[in-house]
Amino acid sequence: TKVALNQNMFGGNLQLTNNFEKLGAAQKLTYGIEINNNDASRTRRTFTNGRKTGDYKSNPDSDILRLGVYLQDEIKLDKYEIIAGIRYDANNVNAKADDAWYDSGSQYLDDLKGTVGKPISKDFSNLSPSISLINKINDNFNLYAKYSKSFRAPSWEDLNSSRISIGTRANYATIGNPNLKAETGDNYEIGIKGRTAKTDFGIATFLNK
């Protein structure tokens, strides 16, 4: 079997920064948007005794649109710095059926389309906050603590997958999982960073759930 994976991706991002002072605190506001679209396909070509015997798709052709919008504010006080941010992510997977997708089923199946099934299209979205607090002990030492939320949507390959092999020496099937949920995480970290005349160092402990 020969596999042809094709992905055509295009996108862009825009980021803006504003520096200002309010209520005696210097602030740096950063905000932006990221967007990209991935047109993906995976075709498998089978051979028997060196001769082509057919094409099928173990994953359906999919358009994956990803969007991210974020805002972050860095607030500097006397001995403290607060960095607060929030990000919105949206991920849309639009999967398409065609004959090569249904051909991932065995020729011995009576209901080929019903057994292989129509590909599932799904939307995922999440709002992820983050915050950091930095305490400047002196010019050489900083204590810090931070929390952030993470997000990852299932891949288009994991959502939809199909290969049903019957009537060969090795009978097997691969099946995608359209019920997958997006992964989210809570990340905590505390530490100290310092600098001496000869050394830069950092000590941190973290917990990721």
Protein backbone atom coordinates (compact mmCIF):
# COMPACT_ATOMS: atom_id res chain seq x y z
CA THR A 1 0.00 0.00 0.00
CA LYS A 2 1.21 3.49 -0.89
CA VAL A 3 -0.08 6.50 1.03
CA ALA A 4 -0.48 10.01 -0.39
CA LEU A 5 -1.07 12.70 2.25
CA ASN A 6 -1.82 16.15 0.85
CA GLN A 7 -2.33 19.26 2.95
CA ASN A 8 -2.83 22.74 1.52
CA MET A 9 -2.73 25.34 4.26
CA PHE A 10 -3.04 29.09 4.15
CA GLY A 11 -3.62 31.65 6.85
CA GLY A 12 -2.36 34.76 8.55
CA ASN A 13 -2.12 36.62 11.82
CA LEU A 14 -2.33 40.20 13.00
CA GLN A 15 -0.92 41.47 16.31
CA LEU A 16 -1.11 44.98 17.76
CA THR A 17 0.51 46.48 20.86
CA ASN A 18 -0.32 49.64 22.80
CA ASN A 19 1.76 51.17 25.61
CA PHE A 20 0.06 53.57 28.01
CA GLU A 21 -0.12 54.60 31.65
CA LYS A 22 -3.22 54.59 33.82
CA LEU A 23 -3.65 55.17 37.55
CA GLY A 24 0.12 55.40 37.94
CA ALA A 25 0.78 51.98 36.39
CA ALA A 26 2.59 51.43 33.12
CA GLN A 27 0.65 49.03 30.90
CA LYS A 28 1.30 47.13 27.68
CA LEU A 29 -1.78 45.88 25.88
CA THR A 30 -1.27 43.16 23.25
CA TYR A 31 -4.10 41.78 21.13
CA GLY A 32 -4.47 39.97 17.86
CA ILE A 33 -6.09 37.34 15.69
CA GLU A 34 -4.81 34.15 14.04
CA ILE A 35 -6.64 32.23 11.31
CA ASN A 36 -5.71 29.37 9.00
CA ASN A 37 -7.44 26.82 6.80
CA ASN A 38 -6.10 23.35 6.02
CA ASP A 39 -7.48 21.40 3.04
CA ALA A 40 -6.37 17.85 3.81
CA SER A 41 -6.74 14.47 2.10
CA ARG A 42 -5.19 11.01 2.53
CA THR A 43 -5.42 8.43 -0.27
CA ARG A 44 -4.11 4.88 -0.11
CA ARG A 45 -3.26 2.93 -3.27
CA THR A 46 -3.21 -0.86 -3.00
CA PHE A 47 -1.11 -3.28 -5.04
CA THR A 48 -1.20 -7.04 -5.48
CA ASN A 49 1.82 -8.75 -7.03
CA GLY A 50 3.10 -5.36 -8.11
CA ARG A 51 -0.13 -4.36 -9.87
CA LYS A 52 -2.50 -1.61 -8.76
CA THR A 53 -5.76 -3.03 -7.42
CA GLY A 54 -7.55 0.11 -6.23
CA ASP A 55 -7.63 3.39 -4.33
CA TYR A 56 -9.41 4.21 -1.09
CA LYS A 57 -9.34 6.92 1.56
CA SER A 58 -8.66 5.90 5.15
CA ASN A 59 -9.59 9.48 6.12
CA PRO A 60 -12.20 11.56 4.31
CA ASP A 61 -11.24 14.81 2.62
CA SER A 62 -11.52 17.51 5.29
CA ASP A 63 -11.41 21.29 5.52
CA ILE A 64 -10.08 22.38 8.92
CA LEU A 65 -10.60 26.02 9.87
CA ARG A 66 -8.84 27.33 12.99
CA LEU A 67 -9.41 30.74 14.55
CA GLY A 68 -7.73 32.30 17.58
CA VAL A 69 -8.41 35.71 19.14
CA TYR A 70 -6.43 36.90 22.16
CA LEU A 71 -5.93 39.85 24.51
CA GLN A 72 -3.16 40.38 27.09
CA ASP A 73 -2.42 43.22 29.50
CA GLU A 74 0.93 43.67 31.26
CA ILE A 75 0.62 45.96 34.28
CA LYS A 76 3.81 47.18 35.98
CA LEU A 77 3.63 48.52 39.51
CA ASP A 78 6.47 49.36 41.93
CA LYS A 79 7.78 45.88 42.72
CA TYR A 80 5.09 43.83 41.02
CA GLU A 81 4.07 42.96 37.50
CA ILE A 82 0.72 41.41 36.61
CA ILE A 83 0.19 39.77 33.22
CA ALA A 84 -3.43 38.83 32.50
CA GLY A 85 -4.70 37.39 29.27
CA ILE A 86 -7.56 35.60 27.62
CA ARG A 87 -7.79 33.65 24.36
CA TYR A 88 -10.71 32.31 22.34
CA ASP A 89 -10.14 29.34 20.02
CA ALA A 90 -12.52 27.89 17.44
CA ASN A 91 -11.82 24.78 15.38
CA ASN A 92 -14.17 23.60 12.63
CA VAL A 93 -13.68 20.23 10.90
CA ASN A 94 -15.77 19.83 7.74
CA ALA A 95 -15.43 16.24 6.45
CA LYS A 96 -16.70 15.16 3.01
CA ALA A 97 -17.76 11.76 1.67
CA ASP A 98 -16.96 10.43 -1.80
CA ASP A 99 -16.65 7.05 -3.51
CA ALA A 100 -13.00 6.67 -2.49
CA TRP A 101 -14.05 7.10 1.16
CA TYR A 102 -16.69 4.37 0.91
CA ASP A 103 -14.16 2.15 -0.90
CA SER A 104 -12.33 1.83 2.42
CA GLY A 105 -14.85 -0.92 3.14
CA SER A 106 -14.50 -4.47 1.89
CA GLN A 107 -16.06 -5.62 -1.38
CA TYR A 108 -17.69 -8.39 0.64
CA LEU A 109 -19.91 -5.96 2.56
CA ASP A 110 -23.55 -5.91 1.40
CA ASP A 111 -24.16 -2.35 2.62
CA LEU A 112 -20.84 -0.65 1.89
CA LYS A 113 -21.95 2.94 2.51
CA GLY A 114 -23.97 2.06 5.60
CA THR A 115 -21.12 0.09 7.14
CA VAL A 116 -18.37 2.60 6.44
CA GLY A 117 -20.65 5.46 7.45
CA LYS A 118 -20.86 9.11 6.53
CA PRO A 119 -17.96 11.24 7.83
CA ILE A 120 -18.67 13.39 10.86
CA SER A 121 -18.11 17.16 10.82
CA LYS A 122 -17.63 18.87 14.18
CA ASP A 123 -17.06 22.28 15.78
CA PHE A 124 -14.93 22.90 18.85
CA SER A 125 -14.40 26.13 20.79
CA ASN A 126 -12.90 27.22 24.09
CA LEU A 127 -12.12 30.29 26.19
CA SER A 128 -8.71 30.09 27.90
CA PRO A 129 -7.62 32.59 30.60
CA SER A 130 -4.12 33.08 32.00
CA ILE A 131 -2.60 35.19 34.75
CA SER A 132 0.92 35.72 36.09
CA LEU A 133 2.23 37.62 39.12
CA ILE A 134 5.89 38.62 39.33
CA ASN A 135 7.44 40.02 42.50
CA LYS A 136 10.68 41.91 41.91
CA ILE A 137 12.67 41.32 45.10
CA ASN A 138 15.62 43.36 43.82
CA ASP A 139 17.46 43.99 40.56
CA ASN A 140 18.73 40.39 40.50
CA PHE A 141 15.89 38.20 41.85
CA ASN A 142 12.25 37.71 40.87
CA LEU A 143 9.60 35.48 42.39
CA TYR A 144 6.69 34.49 40.15
CA ALA A 145 3.48 32.47 40.06
CA LYS A 146 1.24 31.80 37.07
CA TYR A 147 -1.87 29.94 36.00
CA SER A 148 -3.08 29.18 32.47
CA LYS A 149 -5.76 27.15 30.77
CA SER A 150 -4.82 25.08 27.70
CA PHE A 151 -6.92 23.71 24.83
CA ARG A 152 -6.43 21.24 21.98
CA ALA A 153 -9.10 20.04 19.57
CA PRO A 154 -9.08 16.47 18.18
CA SER A 155 -7.31 16.08 14.84
CA TRP A 156 -9.20 15.45 11.63
CA GLU A 157 -7.49 12.04 11.33
CA ASP A 158 -8.67 10.91 14.78
CA LEU A 159 -12.28 11.98 14.24
CA ASN A 160 -12.79 10.01 11.02
CA SER A 161 -10.91 6.89 10.01
CA SER A 162 -11.94 3.78 8.12
CA ARG A 163 -10.48 0.56 6.81
CA ILE A 164 -12.52 -2.64 6.77
CA SER A 165 -10.65 -5.65 5.46
CA ILE A 166 -12.61 -8.89 5.06
CA GLY A 167 -11.77 -11.97 3.04
CA THR A 168 -7.99 -11.70 3.31
CA ARG A 169 -5.57 -13.58 5.52
CA ALA A 170 -5.75 -10.74 8.04
CA ASN A 171 -9.29 -9.57 8.82
CA TYR A 172 -9.35 -6.23 10.63
CA ALA A 173 -11.02 -2.84 10.81
CA THR A 174 -9.93 0.65 11.88
CA ILE A 175 -12.59 3.05 13.09
CA GLY A 176 -12.39 6.75 13.93
CA ASN A 177 -13.99 8.27 17.02
CA PRO A 178 -16.39 11.11 16.15
CA ASN A 179 -17.33 11.37 19.85
CA LEU A 180 -13.91 12.68 20.87
CA LYS A 181 -13.96 15.76 23.07
CA ALA A 182 -11.46 18.59 23.03
CA GLU A 183 -8.62 18.36 25.55
CA THR A 184 -8.33 21.10 28.17
CA GLY A 185 -5.75 21.56 30.88
CA ASP A 186 -5.06 23.58 34.02
CA ASN A 187 -1.42 24.61 34.38
CA TYR A 188 0.09 26.01 37.61
CA GLU A 189 3.68 27.15 38.15
CA ILE A 190 5.69 28.94 40.83
CA GLY A 191 9.38 29.72 40.77
CA ILE A 192 12.28 32.08 41.17
CA LYS A 193 14.62 33.57 38.59
CA GLY A 194 17.90 35.22 39.40
CA ARG A 195 21.16 36.60 38.12
CA THR A 196 24.56 36.97 39.71
CA ALA A 197 27.77 38.37 38.31
CA LYS A 198 28.60 35.00 36.72
CA THR A 199 25.35 33.01 36.59
CA ASP A 200 21.74 33.17 35.43
CA PHE A 201 19.47 30.63 37.10
CA GLY A 202 15.86 29.60 37.51
CA ILE A 203 14.05 27.21 39.85
CA ALA A 204 10.44 26.21 39.19
CA THR A 205 7.81 23.72 40.23
CA PHE A 206 4.67 23.11 38.20
CA LEU A 207 1.49 21.06 38.08
CA ASN A 208 -0.39 20.28 34.88
CA LYS A 209 -3.83 18.68 35.01
